[in-house]
Amino acid sequence: MIKLVLEIVIMLVVVGVVGITLSLNTKSEGLGAAITGASDTYRGAVGVEEQKRQLLRTLCYTFVVLSLIHALASNFF
């Protein structure tokens, strides 16, 4: 039961990561920036773009932690 809930939450996080990655404004920065989130400018994006990047960063960290918990739960349950 715990593994099933974790798998559903992980899938929702993955959909969120993909959606936010596709919505980032990286038209002038190339495909590499869209994949890595890197930018050629030295100052951060303002407003909505910076909030999207911060949410993306949080979702990615959440994905890593949930995947680790799922792997540990798979070994013990």
Protein backbone atom coordinates (compact mmCIF):
# COMPACT_ATOMS: atom_id res chain seq x y z
CA MET A 1 0.00 0.00 0.00
CA ILE A 2 2.80 2.43 0.88
CA LYS A 3 4.66 1.62 -2.32
CA LEU A 4 1.55 2.25 -4.41
CA VAL A 5 1.00 5.66 -2.84
CA LEU A 6 4.67 6.53 -3.34
CA GLU A 7 4.51 5.47 -6.98
CA ILE A 8 1.46 7.66 -7.61
CA VAL A 9 3.08 10.67 -5.92
CA ILE A 10 6.32 10.11 -7.87
CA MET A 11 4.38 10.01 -11.14
CA LEU A 12 2.63 13.29 -10.27
CA VAL A 13 5.98 14.90 -9.46
CA VAL A 14 7.42 13.66 -12.77
CA VAL A 15 4.48 15.12 -14.70
CA GLY A 16 5.04 18.42 -12.87
CA VAL A 17 8.76 18.42 -13.74
CA VAL A 18 8.05 17.76 -17.41
CA GLY A 19 5.31 20.39 -17.54
CA ILE A 20 7.39 23.11 -15.91
CA THR A 21 10.44 22.26 -18.02
CA LEU A 22 8.38 22.65 -21.18
CA SER A 23 6.88 25.93 -20.00
CA LEU A 24 10.21 27.63 -19.28
CA ASN A 25 11.09 30.49 -21.59
CA THR A 26 14.32 29.25 -23.21
CA LYS A 27 13.73 30.21 -26.84
CA SER A 28 16.90 32.27 -27.11
CA GLU A 29 19.05 30.03 -24.93
CA GLY A 30 18.94 26.81 -26.97
CA LEU A 31 18.01 23.22 -26.23
CA GLY A 32 20.85 22.70 -23.75
CA ALA A 33 19.45 25.40 -21.50
CA ALA A 34 16.00 23.86 -21.65
CA ILE A 35 17.34 20.50 -20.48
CA THR A 36 19.79 21.70 -17.84
CA GLY A 37 18.06 24.91 -16.78
CA ALA A 38 21.26 26.84 -17.44
CA SER A 39 21.23 30.39 -18.67
CA ASP A 40 23.77 32.53 -20.52
CA THR A 41 22.89 35.65 -18.55
CA TYR A 42 24.55 36.45 -15.25
CA ARG A 43 21.45 37.80 -13.56
CA GLY A 44 18.48 35.64 -12.66
CA ALA A 45 15.21 35.70 -14.54
CA VAL A 46 12.63 38.02 -13.08
CA GLY A 47 9.12 37.30 -11.96
CA VAL A 48 7.32 34.23 -13.19
CA GLU A 49 10.35 32.57 -14.83
CA GLU A 50 12.36 32.65 -11.60
CA GLN A 51 9.41 31.20 -9.69
CA LYS A 52 9.08 28.42 -12.27
CA ARG A 53 12.76 27.58 -11.94
CA GLN A 54 12.53 27.54 -8.16
CA LEU A 55 9.47 25.26 -8.31
CA LEU A 56 11.29 23.02 -10.79
CA ARG A 57 14.28 22.79 -8.48
CA THR A 58 12.01 21.87 -5.54
CA LEU A 59 10.18 19.23 -7.56
CA CYS A 60 13.46 17.67 -8.70
CA TYR A 61 14.74 17.43 -5.13
CA THR A 62 11.38 15.97 -4.10
CA PHE A 63 11.66 13.38 -6.87
CA VAL A 64 15.11 12.29 -5.70
CA VAL A 65 14.00 11.95 -2.07
CA LEU A 66 10.79 10.10 -2.93
CA SER A 67 12.68 7.75 -5.26
CA LEU A 68 15.14 6.95 -2.48
CA ILE A 69 12.30 6.27 -0.05
CA HIS A 70 10.59 4.08 -2.66
CA ALA A 71 13.78 2.09 -3.23
CA LEU A 72 14.22 1.54 0.48
CA ALA A 73 10.56 0.58 0.88
CA SER A 74 10.89 -1.91 -1.98
CA ASN A 75 13.73 -3.64 -0.20
CA PHE A 76 12.02 -3.90 3.17
CA PHE A 77 8.35 -4.49 2.28
